[in-house]
Amino acid sequence: MTLLEEGFLKHKGGEYHHIYALNKMAKQGKVVFKRIEGTRYDLGHAGGYLKAL
């Protein structure tokens, strides 16, 4: 079973966020990131989508 599947099975409804899998991978030293500058828009929200246009 993948970490995403494991996290989804523990999920209790609503929007699923994959933070469970990311946290487990981070503890195993398997997560890398690059901080970037810019503006973040929430495209899952109507107001954020309109701002992005």
Protein backbone atom coordinates (compact mmCIF):
# COMPACT_ATOMS: atom_id res chain seq x y z
CA MET A 1 0.00 0.00 0.00
CA THR A 2 1.37 3.44 -0.88
CA LEU A 3 1.62 6.27 1.63
CA LEU A 4 -1.10 8.14 -0.28
CA GLU A 5 -3.44 5.16 -0.01
CA GLU A 6 -2.62 4.74 3.67
CA GLY A 7 -3.35 8.41 4.35
CA PHE A 8 -6.57 8.32 2.34
CA LEU A 9 -7.85 5.34 4.34
CA LYS A 10 -7.31 7.36 7.55
CA HIS A 11 -9.06 10.38 5.99
CA LYS A 12 -12.36 11.40 7.58
CA GLY A 13 -14.09 13.17 4.67
CA GLY A 14 -13.89 16.55 3.01
CA GLU A 15 -11.00 17.62 0.81
CA TYR A 16 -8.09 15.19 0.97
CA HIS A 17 -4.65 16.68 1.60
CA HIS A 18 -1.59 14.51 1.14
CA ILE A 19 0.18 15.92 4.23
CA TYR A 20 0.14 12.48 5.90
CA ALA A 21 2.32 11.03 3.13
CA LEU A 22 4.57 14.10 3.02
CA ASN A 23 5.17 14.01 6.78
CA LYS A 24 6.07 10.30 6.70
CA MET A 25 8.41 10.85 3.74
CA ALA A 26 10.05 13.84 5.49
CA LYS A 27 10.76 11.69 8.56
CA GLN A 28 12.46 9.20 6.22
CA GLY A 29 14.59 11.98 4.66
CA LYS A 30 12.87 11.59 1.28
CA VAL A 31 11.54 15.14 0.83
CA VAL A 32 13.41 17.97 -0.87
CA PHE A 33 12.13 21.43 -1.64
CA LYS A 34 13.11 24.68 -3.30
CA ARG A 35 11.84 27.94 -1.86
CA ILE A 36 10.70 30.28 -4.63
CA GLU A 37 9.44 33.83 -4.63
CA GLY A 38 6.14 34.72 -6.21
CA THR A 39 2.45 35.05 -5.62
CA ARG A 40 0.36 32.05 -4.63
CA TYR A 41 -3.23 31.81 -5.85
CA ASP A 42 -5.80 29.36 -4.50
CA LEU A 43 -7.33 28.10 -7.75
CA GLY A 44 -9.75 25.92 -5.81
CA HIS A 45 -11.49 29.06 -4.60
CA ALA A 46 -13.46 31.30 -6.99
CA GLY A 47 -11.83 34.51 -5.71
CA GLY A 48 -8.33 33.08 -6.09
CA TYR A 49 -9.09 31.88 -9.59
CA LEU A 50 -10.35 35.31 -10.64
CA LYS A 51 -7.24 36.99 -9.20
CA ALA A 52 -5.04 34.60 -11.17
CA LEU A 53 -6.71 35.56 -14.43
